[in-house]
Amino acid sequence: MADFLSPISFTWEMITSFVLVFAQAYTTLGLYKLIFTLIDSEYYEFEFRQVLPAFKNILSYLGIFSFIVLILFGFSKLMVKLDDYPNLQGLIQQIAVLISLYLGLRIMFFVTYIVDDQSGGFESLKQSFTLTKGYFFKVLIMLLIILLFIALPAFLSQYPGLGFLWIAIIFTYPFVNILLAVTYRKLVYSHQDVEDDIAETN
């Protein structure tokens, strides 16, 4: 007999998932808000309300998060339908990994635009694509750092005897996001310098 959730259990599971996602969005955006406030505050003096993410920012973040989840859900459904064609399934999975890595590189800074530029969800994706153009290796290094400090401990913690490694993420997560915020600002300034140079030659 197939396992299934009762309506009440399903409802509570959905509510719990939403609360966790909302809390993750709030803390992530709050962290970026704090980082940019510290960068921009001349004397490092600021009020607590300055580091609280706006509700608009949270909605933008959750919109992109939901969009990505829907894509992954659709892809997983497609893979299930291709169970009878393992060769084709494997090929599509390999292509999907490459596409995912490329898109991960290009949309890496969408959160920073949501917080720093008050951009909407899809607007922030477009801005991140523009920002990363011509800076492939710099962005690739950032992606490798993220994989090293967050994805690797999360992956290894699944193995027996290595469960304690998830604790490392508590320390590496803020560090990685600080690097992302600083790199984002450097790339923004680099683009501004290029635009200024072009304007001076006209």
N, C-alpha and C. Protein backbone atom coordinates (compact mmCIF):
# COMPACT_ATOMS: atom_id res chain seq x y z
N MET A 1 0.84 -1.19 0.00
CA MET A 1 0.00 0.00 0.00
C MET A 1 0.87 1.24 0.00
N ALA A 2 0.60 2.16 -0.89
CA ALA A 2 1.46 3.33 -1.03
C ALA A 2 1.31 4.25 0.16
N ASP A 3 2.42 4.85 0.57
CA ASP A 3 2.39 5.80 1.66
C ASP A 3 1.82 7.11 1.15
N PHE A 4 1.05 7.77 2.01
CA PHE A 4 0.52 9.08 1.65
C PHE A 4 0.32 9.88 2.92
N LEU A 5 0.27 11.19 2.76
CA LEU A 5 0.07 12.10 3.87
C LEU A 5 -1.41 12.42 4.00
N SER A 6 -1.89 12.47 5.22
CA SER A 6 -3.26 12.91 5.45
C SER A 6 -3.35 14.40 5.15
N PRO A 7 -4.56 14.91 4.86
CA PRO A 7 -4.69 16.34 4.57
C PRO A 7 -4.11 17.24 5.67
N ILE A 8 -4.30 16.85 6.92
CA ILE A 8 -3.79 17.66 8.04
C ILE A 8 -2.27 17.63 8.05
N SER A 9 -1.68 16.43 7.87
CA SER A 9 -0.22 16.30 7.86
C SER A 9 0.38 17.08 6.70
N PHE A 10 -0.26 16.99 5.53
CA PHE A 10 0.22 17.71 4.36
C PHE A 10 0.17 19.22 4.59
N THR A 11 -0.93 19.68 5.19
CA THR A 11 -1.07 21.11 5.48
C THR A 11 0.02 21.59 6.41
N TRP A 12 0.26 20.83 7.48
CA TRP A 12 1.30 21.23 8.44
C TRP A 12 2.68 21.18 7.82
N GLU A 13 2.90 20.20 6.95
CA GLU A 13 4.19 20.11 6.27
C GLU A 13 4.40 21.30 5.35
N MET A 14 3.36 21.73 4.64
CA MET A 14 3.45 22.89 3.77
C MET A 14 3.68 24.16 4.57
N ILE A 15 2.98 24.30 5.69
CA ILE A 15 3.14 25.48 6.54
C ILE A 15 4.56 25.54 7.10
N THR A 16 5.06 24.39 7.56
CA THR A 16 6.41 24.33 8.11
C THR A 16 7.45 24.68 7.05
N SER A 17 7.26 24.13 5.84
CA SER A 17 8.19 24.41 4.74
C SER A 17 8.19 25.90 4.40
N PHE A 18 6.99 26.51 4.37
CA PHE A 18 6.90 27.93 4.05
C PHE A 18 7.59 28.77 5.11
N VAL A 19 7.36 28.42 6.38
CA VAL A 19 7.99 29.17 7.47
C VAL A 19 9.51 29.08 7.39
N LEU A 20 10.03 27.88 7.10
CA LEU A 20 11.47 27.69 7.00
C LEU A 20 12.05 28.47 5.83
N VAL A 21 11.36 28.42 4.68
CA VAL A 21 11.83 29.17 3.51
C VAL A 21 11.79 30.67 3.77
N PHE A 22 10.71 31.13 4.40
CA PHE A 22 10.57 32.56 4.72
C PHE A 22 11.67 32.99 5.69
N ALA A 23 11.95 32.16 6.70
CA ALA A 23 13.00 32.48 7.66
C ALA A 23 14.37 32.52 6.98
N GLN A 24 14.60 31.57 6.05
CA GLN A 24 15.87 31.55 5.33
C GLN A 24 16.02 32.80 4.46
N ALA A 25 14.93 33.20 3.81
CA ALA A 25 14.95 34.41 2.98
C ALA A 25 15.22 35.63 3.84
N TYR A 26 14.56 35.71 4.98
CA TYR A 26 14.69 36.88 5.87
C TYR A 26 16.11 37.00 6.40
N THR A 27 16.69 35.88 6.85
CA THR A 27 18.04 35.92 7.41
C THR A 27 19.09 36.19 6.34
N THR A 28 18.90 35.62 5.14
CA THR A 28 19.86 35.85 4.06
C THR A 28 19.86 37.30 3.63
N LEU A 29 18.66 37.84 3.38
CA LEU A 29 18.56 39.24 2.97
C LEU A 29 19.03 40.18 4.08
N GLY A 30 18.72 39.80 5.33
CA GLY A 30 19.19 40.61 6.45
C GLY A 30 20.70 40.63 6.56
N LEU A 31 21.32 39.48 6.27
CA LEU A 31 22.78 39.42 6.29
C LEU A 31 23.37 40.34 5.24
N TYR A 32 22.83 40.30 4.02
CA TYR A 32 23.32 41.18 2.96
C TYR A 32 23.07 42.65 3.29
N LYS A 33 21.92 42.92 3.90
CA LYS A 33 21.61 44.29 4.30
C LYS A 33 22.64 44.78 5.30
N LEU A 34 23.02 43.92 6.25
CA LEU A 34 24.02 44.27 7.25
C LEU A 34 25.38 44.51 6.59
N ILE A 35 25.76 43.63 5.66
CA ILE A 35 27.05 43.76 4.99
C ILE A 35 27.14 45.09 4.23
N PHE A 36 26.10 45.41 3.45
CA PHE A 36 26.12 46.65 2.67
C PHE A 36 26.03 47.88 3.57
N THR A 37 25.31 47.76 4.68
CA THR A 37 25.24 48.88 5.62
C THR A 37 26.60 49.16 6.23
N LEU A 38 27.33 48.11 6.58
CA LEU A 38 28.67 48.28 7.13
C LEU A 38 29.63 48.84 6.09
N ILE A 39 29.48 48.41 4.85
CA ILE A 39 30.35 48.93 3.78
C ILE A 39 30.10 50.42 3.55
N ASP A 40 28.82 50.80 3.59
CA ASP A 40 28.45 52.17 3.23
C ASP A 40 28.45 53.14 4.41
N SER A 41 28.48 52.62 5.64
CA SER A 41 28.46 53.50 6.81
C SER A 41 29.86 54.00 7.08
N GLU A 42 30.03 55.30 6.99
CA GLU A 42 31.37 55.89 7.13
C GLU A 42 31.97 55.62 8.50
N TYR A 43 31.16 55.72 9.54
CA TYR A 43 31.67 55.53 10.90
C TYR A 43 31.12 54.26 11.54
N TYR A 44 30.56 53.39 10.70
CA TYR A 44 30.01 52.11 11.17
C TYR A 44 28.94 52.31 12.25
N GLU A 45 28.21 53.41 12.13
CA GLU A 45 27.11 53.68 13.04
C GLU A 45 25.81 53.58 12.25
N PHE A 46 24.90 52.76 12.71
CA PHE A 46 23.64 52.58 12.01
C PHE A 46 22.59 52.10 12.99
N GLU A 47 21.33 52.26 12.61
CA GLU A 47 20.23 51.80 13.44
C GLU A 47 19.84 50.39 13.04
N PHE A 48 19.25 49.69 13.99
CA PHE A 48 18.89 48.29 13.77
C PHE A 48 17.93 48.14 12.60
N ARG A 49 17.00 49.09 12.44
CA ARG A 49 16.02 49.00 11.37
C ARG A 49 16.66 49.05 9.98
N GLN A 50 17.88 49.59 9.91
CA GLN A 50 18.56 49.70 8.63
C GLN A 50 18.99 48.34 8.08
N VAL A 51 19.12 47.35 8.95
CA VAL A 51 19.58 46.03 8.49
C VAL A 51 18.43 45.04 8.36
N LEU A 52 17.19 45.53 8.50
CA LEU A 52 16.04 44.66 8.32
C LEU A 52 15.61 44.68 6.85
N PRO A 53 15.48 43.54 6.22
CA PRO A 53 15.10 43.51 4.80
C PRO A 53 13.66 43.98 4.60
N ALA A 54 13.42 44.70 3.53
CA ALA A 54 12.06 45.16 3.22
C ALA A 54 11.21 43.98 2.76
N PHE A 55 9.91 44.08 3.00
CA PHE A 55 9.00 43.00 2.60
C PHE A 55 9.04 42.78 1.10
N LYS A 56 9.23 43.87 0.34
CA LYS A 56 9.34 43.78 -1.12
C LYS A 56 10.53 42.91 -1.51
N ASN A 57 11.66 43.08 -0.80
CA ASN A 57 12.84 42.28 -1.08
C ASN A 57 12.59 40.80 -0.83
N ILE A 58 11.88 40.52 0.26
CA ILE A 58 11.58 39.13 0.60
C ILE A 58 10.70 38.49 -0.48
N LEU A 59 9.70 39.24 -0.95
CA LEU A 59 8.83 38.72 -2.01
C LEU A 59 9.62 38.45 -3.29
N SER A 60 10.54 39.36 -3.62
CA SER A 60 11.37 39.17 -4.82
C SER A 60 12.22 37.92 -4.69
N TYR A 61 12.82 37.74 -3.53
CA TYR A 61 13.67 36.58 -3.28
C TYR A 61 12.84 35.29 -3.36
N LEU A 62 11.68 35.29 -2.70
CA LEU A 62 10.83 34.10 -2.70
C LEU A 62 10.30 33.80 -4.10
N GLY A 63 10.08 34.85 -4.90
CA GLY A 63 9.63 34.64 -6.27
C GLY A 63 10.67 33.89 -7.09
N ILE A 64 11.92 34.30 -6.98
CA ILE A 64 13.00 33.61 -7.70
C ILE A 64 13.19 32.20 -7.16
N PHE A 65 13.11 32.05 -5.84
CA PHE A 65 13.25 30.73 -5.22
C PHE A 65 12.17 29.79 -5.73
N SER A 66 10.92 30.28 -5.78
CA SER A 66 9.80 29.45 -6.24
C SER A 66 9.97 29.10 -7.72
N PHE A 67 10.46 30.06 -8.49
CA PHE A 67 10.68 29.83 -9.93
C PHE A 67 11.71 28.72 -10.14
N ILE A 68 12.78 28.74 -9.38
CA ILE A 68 13.82 27.71 -9.49
C ILE A 68 13.28 26.35 -9.06
N VAL A 69 12.50 26.34 -7.97
CA VAL A 69 11.91 25.09 -7.49
C VAL A 69 10.99 24.49 -8.54
N LEU A 70 10.20 25.32 -9.20
CA LEU A 70 9.29 24.83 -10.25
C LEU A 70 10.07 24.22 -11.41
N ILE A 71 11.18 24.86 -11.78
CA ILE A 71 12.01 24.32 -12.86
C ILE A 71 12.58 22.96 -12.46
N LEU A 72 13.09 22.86 -11.24
CA LEU A 72 13.64 21.59 -10.76
C LEU A 72 12.57 20.51 -10.67
N PHE A 73 11.37 20.91 -10.24
CA PHE A 73 10.27 19.95 -10.15
C PHE A 73 9.90 19.43 -11.53
N GLY A 74 9.80 20.34 -12.50
CA GLY A 74 9.49 19.94 -13.87
C GLY A 74 10.56 19.04 -14.45
N PHE A 75 11.83 19.37 -14.16
CA PHE A 75 12.93 18.55 -14.67
C PHE A 75 12.89 17.14 -14.06
N SER A 76 12.60 17.06 -12.76
CA SER A 76 12.53 15.74 -12.10
C SER A 76 11.40 14.90 -12.70
N LYS A 77 10.28 15.54 -13.03
CA LYS A 77 9.17 14.82 -13.66
C LYS A 77 9.58 14.30 -15.04
N LEU A 78 10.34 15.11 -15.77
CA LEU A 78 10.82 14.70 -17.09
C LEU A 78 11.75 13.50 -16.97
N MET A 79 12.62 13.51 -15.97
CA MET A 79 13.57 12.41 -15.77
C MET A 79 12.84 11.11 -15.45
N VAL A 80 11.77 11.21 -14.67
CA VAL A 80 10.99 10.01 -14.34
C VAL A 80 10.38 9.39 -15.60
N LYS A 81 9.91 10.25 -16.50
CA LYS A 81 9.30 9.76 -17.74
C LYS A 81 10.33 9.11 -18.65
N LEU A 82 11.60 9.43 -18.44
CA LEU A 82 12.66 8.87 -19.30
C LEU A 82 13.37 7.68 -18.66
N ASP A 83 12.76 7.09 -17.65
CA ASP A 83 13.36 5.93 -16.98
C ASP A 83 13.57 4.76 -17.94
N ASP A 84 12.72 4.67 -18.95
CA ASP A 84 12.83 3.58 -19.92
C ASP A 84 13.88 3.86 -20.98
N TYR A 85 14.47 5.05 -20.95
CA TYR A 85 15.49 5.43 -21.93
C TYR A 85 16.73 5.94 -21.16
N PRO A 86 17.45 5.04 -20.50
CA PRO A 86 18.56 5.45 -19.62
C PRO A 86 19.67 6.23 -20.32
N ASN A 87 19.96 5.88 -21.56
CA ASN A 87 21.01 6.61 -22.29
C ASN A 87 20.62 8.07 -22.53
N LEU A 88 19.40 8.27 -22.99
CA LEU A 88 18.90 9.63 -23.21
C LEU A 88 18.79 10.38 -21.89
N GLN A 89 18.34 9.66 -20.88
CA GLN A 89 18.21 10.26 -19.55
C GLN A 89 19.56 10.75 -19.02
N GLY A 90 20.57 9.90 -19.17
CA GLY A 90 21.92 10.27 -18.72
C GLY A 90 22.47 11.46 -19.48
N LEU A 91 22.22 11.49 -20.80
CA LEU A 91 22.71 12.59 -21.63
C LEU A 91 22.06 13.91 -21.20
N ILE A 92 20.74 13.88 -21.00
CA ILE A 92 20.02 15.09 -20.58
C ILE A 92 20.50 15.56 -19.21
N GLN A 93 20.77 14.64 -18.31
CA GLN A 93 21.26 15.01 -16.98
C GLN A 93 22.62 15.69 -17.06
N GLN A 94 23.50 15.17 -17.91
CA GLN A 94 24.82 15.78 -18.07
C GLN A 94 24.72 17.19 -18.65
N ILE A 95 23.85 17.34 -19.65
CA ILE A 95 23.64 18.67 -20.24
C ILE A 95 23.04 19.62 -19.20
N ALA A 96 22.12 19.09 -18.39
CA ALA A 96 21.47 19.91 -17.36
C ALA A 96 22.48 20.39 -16.33
N VAL A 97 23.44 19.54 -15.99
CA VAL A 97 24.47 19.94 -15.02
C VAL A 97 25.30 21.10 -15.57
N LEU A 98 25.69 20.99 -16.83
CA LEU A 98 26.48 22.06 -17.45
C LEU A 98 25.69 23.37 -17.53
N ILE A 99 24.42 23.25 -17.92
CA ILE A 99 23.57 24.45 -18.00
C ILE A 99 23.39 25.06 -16.61
N SER A 100 23.21 24.21 -15.61
CA SER A 100 23.01 24.69 -14.24
C SER A 100 24.24 25.43 -13.73
N LEU A 101 25.42 24.90 -14.03
CA LEU A 101 26.66 25.56 -13.61
C LEU A 101 26.80 26.92 -14.28
N TYR A 102 26.48 26.96 -15.58
CA TYR A 102 26.58 28.22 -16.31
C TYR A 102 25.60 29.25 -15.75
N LEU A 103 24.35 28.83 -15.56
CA LEU A 103 23.36 29.75 -15.02
C LEU A 103 23.70 30.17 -13.59
N GLY A 104 24.27 29.21 -12.83
CA GLY A 104 24.70 29.55 -11.47
C GLY A 104 25.74 30.65 -11.46
N LEU A 105 26.65 30.60 -12.44
CA LEU A 105 27.66 31.65 -12.57
C LEU A 105 27.04 33.00 -12.90
N ARG A 106 26.06 32.99 -13.80
CA ARG A 106 25.51 34.24 -14.30
C ARG A 106 24.51 34.90 -13.35
N ILE A 107 23.79 34.10 -12.53
CA ILE A 107 22.78 34.70 -11.64
C ILE A 107 23.26 34.77 -10.20
N MET A 108 24.56 34.58 -10.01
CA MET A 108 25.12 34.50 -8.66
C MET A 108 24.82 35.74 -7.81
N PHE A 109 24.69 36.90 -8.45
CA PHE A 109 24.56 38.15 -7.70
C PHE A 109 23.15 38.70 -7.68
N PHE A 110 22.15 37.87 -7.96
CA PHE A 110 20.79 38.40 -7.97
C PHE A 110 20.34 38.85 -6.59
N VAL A 111 20.79 38.15 -5.54
CA VAL A 111 20.41 38.54 -4.17
C VAL A 111 20.98 39.92 -3.82
N THR A 112 22.22 40.17 -4.24
CA THR A 112 22.84 41.45 -3.93
C THR A 112 22.09 42.59 -4.61
N TYR A 113 21.58 42.37 -5.81
CA TYR A 113 20.80 43.40 -6.49
C TYR A 113 19.46 43.62 -5.81
N ILE A 114 18.84 42.55 -5.33
CA ILE A 114 17.57 42.69 -4.62
C ILE A 114 17.74 43.57 -3.38
N VAL A 115 18.85 43.37 -2.66
CA VAL A 115 19.09 44.13 -1.44
C VAL A 115 19.68 45.50 -1.71
N ASP A 116 20.71 45.57 -2.54
CA ASP A 116 21.47 46.81 -2.72
C ASP A 116 20.79 47.77 -3.69
N ASP A 117 20.08 47.23 -4.69
CA ASP A 117 19.48 48.07 -5.72
C ASP A 117 17.95 48.07 -5.66
N GLN A 118 17.41 47.34 -4.68
CA GLN A 118 15.94 47.24 -4.53
C GLN A 118 15.28 46.72 -5.81
N SER A 119 15.97 45.82 -6.49
CA SER A 119 15.47 45.29 -7.76
C SER A 119 14.41 44.22 -7.54
N GLY A 120 13.54 44.07 -8.53
CA GLY A 120 12.58 42.98 -8.50
C GLY A 120 13.27 41.67 -8.82
N GLY A 121 12.55 40.58 -8.68
CA GLY A 121 13.14 39.26 -8.86
C GLY A 121 13.79 39.05 -10.22
N PHE A 122 13.00 39.13 -11.28
CA PHE A 122 13.53 38.86 -12.61
C PHE A 122 14.44 39.99 -13.09
N GLU A 123 14.20 41.20 -12.61
CA GLU A 123 15.10 42.31 -12.92
C GLU A 123 16.49 42.03 -12.36
N SER A 124 16.54 41.47 -11.15
CA SER A 124 17.83 41.17 -10.52
C SER A 124 18.59 40.09 -11.29
N LEU A 125 17.86 39.13 -11.87
CA LEU A 125 18.50 38.09 -12.68
C LEU A 125 19.15 38.72 -13.91
N LYS A 126 18.42 39.62 -14.56
CA LYS A 126 18.95 40.31 -15.74
C LYS A 126 20.18 41.14 -15.39
N GLN A 127 20.13 41.83 -14.25
CA GLN A 127 21.26 42.66 -13.82
C GLN A 127 22.48 41.80 -13.51
N SER A 128 22.25 40.63 -12.90
CA SER A 128 23.35 39.73 -12.59
C SER A 128 24.01 39.20 -13.86
N PHE A 129 23.19 38.91 -14.88
CA PHE A 129 23.72 38.47 -16.17
C PHE A 129 24.62 39.55 -16.77
N THR A 130 24.17 40.80 -16.68
CA THR A 130 24.94 41.91 -17.23
C THR A 130 26.23 42.12 -16.45
N LEU A 131 26.14 42.01 -15.13
CA LEU A 131 27.31 42.25 -14.28
C LEU A 131 28.41 41.23 -14.50
N THR A 132 28.03 39.97 -14.71
CA THR A 132 29.03 38.90 -14.82
C THR A 132 29.60 38.77 -16.23
N LYS A 133 29.06 39.52 -17.18
CA LYS A 133 29.57 39.45 -18.54
C LYS A 133 31.02 39.95 -18.60
N GLY A 134 31.91 39.12 -19.12
CA GLY A 134 33.31 39.50 -19.25
C GLY A 134 34.15 39.23 -18.01
N TYR A 135 33.54 38.65 -16.98
CA TYR A 135 34.28 38.36 -15.75
C TYR A 135 34.14 36.88 -15.38
N PHE A 136 34.25 36.02 -16.38
CA PHE A 136 33.99 34.60 -16.20
C PHE A 136 34.87 33.99 -15.12
N PHE A 137 36.17 34.23 -15.17
CA PHE A 137 37.08 33.56 -14.25
C PHE A 137 36.92 34.07 -12.81
N LYS A 138 36.66 35.36 -12.65
CA LYS A 138 36.43 35.89 -11.31
C LYS A 138 35.18 35.26 -10.69
N VAL A 139 34.13 35.17 -11.49
CA VAL A 139 32.88 34.59 -11.01
C VAL A 139 33.04 33.09 -10.78
N LEU A 140 33.81 32.42 -11.65
CA LEU A 140 34.06 30.99 -11.48
C LEU A 140 34.78 30.72 -10.17
N ILE A 141 35.72 31.55 -9.81
CA ILE A 141 36.44 31.40 -8.54
C ILE A 141 35.46 31.51 -7.37
N MET A 142 34.54 32.48 -7.46
CA MET A 142 33.54 32.64 -6.41
C MET A 142 32.66 31.40 -6.29
N LEU A 143 32.26 30.83 -7.43
CA LEU A 143 31.44 29.62 -7.41
C LEU A 143 32.20 28.46 -6.77
N LEU A 144 33.47 28.33 -7.08
CA LEU A 144 34.29 27.27 -6.50
C LEU A 144 34.43 27.44 -4.99
N ILE A 145 34.54 28.70 -4.54
CA ILE A 145 34.63 28.98 -3.11
C ILE A 145 33.33 28.56 -2.42
N ILE A 146 32.20 28.89 -3.06
CA ILE A 146 30.90 28.51 -2.49
C ILE A 146 30.78 27.00 -2.38
N LEU A 147 31.18 26.30 -3.44
CA LEU A 147 31.11 24.84 -3.43
C LEU A 147 32.02 24.25 -2.37
N LEU A 148 33.19 24.87 -2.19
CA LEU A 148 34.16 24.36 -1.23
C LEU A 148 33.70 24.55 0.21
N PHE A 149 33.17 25.74 0.51
CA PHE A 149 32.85 26.09 1.90
C PHE A 149 31.42 25.74 2.32
N ILE A 150 30.51 25.53 1.37
CA ILE A 150 29.13 25.24 1.73
C ILE A 150 28.67 23.89 1.19
N ALA A 151 28.77 23.72 -0.12
CA ALA A 151 28.26 22.48 -0.73
C ALA A 151 29.03 21.25 -0.27
N LEU A 152 30.37 21.37 -0.18
CA LEU A 152 31.18 20.20 0.21
C LEU A 152 30.89 19.74 1.64
N PRO A 153 30.88 20.64 2.65
CA PRO A 153 30.53 20.19 4.01
C PRO A 153 29.12 19.61 4.08
N ALA A 154 28.16 20.22 3.34
CA ALA A 154 26.79 19.70 3.35
C ALA A 154 26.73 18.30 2.76
N PHE A 155 27.50 18.07 1.70
CA PHE A 155 27.52 16.76 1.05
C PHE A 155 28.19 15.72 1.94
N LEU A 156 29.34 16.06 2.51
CA LEU A 156 30.08 15.10 3.34
C LEU A 156 29.36 14.77 4.64
N SER A 157 28.56 15.73 5.14
CA SER A 157 27.87 15.50 6.42
C SER A 157 26.81 14.40 6.32
N GLN A 158 26.47 13.98 5.09
CA GLN A 158 25.49 12.92 4.91
C GLN A 158 26.07 11.54 5.20
N TYR A 159 27.39 11.43 5.22
CA TYR A 159 28.04 10.14 5.43
C TYR A 159 28.21 9.84 6.92
N PRO A 160 28.12 8.56 7.28
CA PRO A 160 28.27 8.16 8.69
C PRO A 160 29.61 8.63 9.26
N GLY A 161 29.55 9.20 10.44
CA GLY A 161 30.76 9.66 11.11
C GLY A 161 31.17 11.07 10.74
N LEU A 162 30.53 11.64 9.71
CA LEU A 162 30.88 13.00 9.28
C LEU A 162 29.72 13.98 9.46
N GLY A 163 28.72 13.57 10.19
CA GLY A 163 27.55 14.41 10.40
C GLY A 163 27.87 15.75 11.05
N PHE A 164 28.96 15.78 11.82
CA PHE A 164 29.33 17.00 12.53
C PHE A 164 29.75 18.13 11.59
N LEU A 165 30.07 17.78 10.33
CA LEU A 165 30.57 18.79 9.39
C LEU A 165 29.54 19.86 9.05
N TRP A 166 28.25 19.57 9.28
CA TRP A 166 27.23 20.58 8.97
C TRP A 166 27.42 21.81 9.83
N ILE A 167 28.06 21.65 11.00
CA ILE A 167 28.30 22.79 11.89
C ILE A 167 29.20 23.82 11.20
N ALA A 168 30.09 23.35 10.33
CA ALA A 168 31.00 24.27 9.64
C ALA A 168 30.25 25.29 8.80
N ILE A 169 29.06 24.91 8.31
CA ILE A 169 28.29 25.82 7.47
C ILE A 169 27.85 27.06 8.24
N ILE A 170 27.66 26.91 9.56
CA ILE A 170 27.27 28.06 10.38
C ILE A 170 28.31 29.17 10.28
N PHE A 171 29.58 28.78 10.12
CA PHE A 171 30.66 29.77 10.05
C PHE A 171 31.01 30.14 8.61
N THR A 172 30.92 29.17 7.71
CA THR A 172 31.31 29.45 6.32
C THR A 172 30.25 30.22 5.54
N TYR A 173 28.98 30.05 5.92
CA TYR A 173 27.90 30.72 5.19
C TYR A 173 28.03 32.24 5.23
N PRO A 174 28.20 32.86 6.42
CA PRO A 174 28.40 34.32 6.44
C PRO A 174 29.66 34.74 5.69
N PHE A 175 30.73 33.96 5.83
CA PHE A 175 32.00 34.29 5.16
C PHE A 175 31.83 34.33 3.64
N VAL A 176 31.15 33.33 3.09
CA VAL A 176 30.93 33.26 1.65
C VAL A 176 30.08 34.43 1.17
N ASN A 177 29.06 34.78 1.93
CA ASN A 177 28.19 35.88 1.53
C ASN A 177 28.89 37.23 1.62
N ILE A 178 29.80 37.38 2.56
CA ILE A 178 30.61 38.60 2.62
C ILE A 178 31.47 38.70 1.36
N LEU A 179 32.09 37.60 0.97
CA LEU A 179 32.90 37.58 -0.26
C LEU A 179 32.05 37.92 -1.49
N LEU A 180 30.84 37.38 -1.53
CA LEU A 180 29.94 37.67 -2.66
C LEU A 180 29.59 39.15 -2.71
N ALA A 181 29.28 39.73 -1.55
CA ALA A 181 28.90 41.14 -1.51
C ALA A 181 30.06 42.04 -1.93
N VAL A 182 31.26 41.73 -1.43
CA VAL A 182 32.43 42.54 -1.77
C VAL A 182 32.77 42.38 -3.26
N THR A 183 32.70 41.16 -3.77
CA THR A 183 32.97 40.92 -5.19
C THR A 183 31.95 41.64 -6.06
N TYR A 184 30.70 41.60 -5.64
CA TYR A 184 29.63 42.31 -6.36
C TYR A 184 29.95 43.79 -6.47
N ARG A 185 30.34 44.41 -5.35
CA ARG A 185 30.64 45.83 -5.38
C ARG A 185 31.84 46.13 -6.28
N LYS A 186 32.84 45.28 -6.24
CA LYS A 186 34.02 45.48 -7.08
C LYS A 186 33.65 45.39 -8.56
N LEU A 187 32.79 44.43 -8.91
CA LEU A 187 32.36 44.30 -10.30
C LEU A 187 31.52 45.49 -10.73
N VAL A 188 30.67 45.98 -9.84
CA VAL A 188 29.85 47.16 -10.15
C VAL A 188 30.75 48.35 -10.43
N TYR A 189 31.77 48.56 -9.58
CA TYR A 189 32.70 49.67 -9.77
C TYR A 189 33.49 49.50 -11.07
N SER A 190 33.84 48.24 -11.39
CA SER A 190 34.57 47.97 -12.63
C SER A 190 33.74 48.36 -13.84
N HIS A 191 32.46 48.01 -13.82
CA HIS A 191 31.57 48.37 -14.92
C HIS A 191 31.41 49.87 -15.02
N GLN A 192 31.34 50.55 -13.89
CA GLN A 192 31.20 52.00 -13.90
C GLN A 192 32.44 52.66 -14.49
N ASP A 193 33.62 52.12 -14.19
CA ASP A 193 34.86 52.65 -14.74
C ASP A 193 34.89 52.50 -16.25
N VAL A 194 34.43 51.33 -16.72
CA VAL A 194 34.38 51.08 -18.17
C VAL A 194 33.44 52.06 -18.85
N GLU A 195 32.26 52.28 -18.24
CA GLU A 195 31.29 53.20 -18.81
C GLU A 195 31.83 54.62 -18.83
N ASP A 196 32.57 55.01 -17.75
CA ASP A 196 33.14 56.34 -17.69
C ASP A 196 34.19 56.54 -18.78
N ASP A 197 35.01 55.47 -18.99
CA ASP A 197 36.05 55.55 -20.03
C ASP A 197 35.42 55.73 -21.41
N ILE A 198 34.33 54.98 -21.65
CA ILE A 198 33.64 55.07 -22.94
C ILE A 198 33.05 56.47 -23.12
N ALA A 199 32.46 57.00 -22.02
CA ALA A 199 31.84 58.31 -22.11
C ALA A 199 32.87 59.40 -22.39
N GLU A 200 34.08 59.25 -21.82
CA GLU A 200 35.12 60.26 -22.01
C GLU A 200 35.65 60.26 -23.44
N THR A 201 35.59 59.10 -24.11
CA THR A 201 36.11 59.02 -25.47
C THR A 201 35.13 59.53 -26.51
N ASN A 202 33.84 59.69 -26.08
CA ASN A 202 32.81 60.17 -27.02
C ASN A 202 32.75 61.70 -27.04
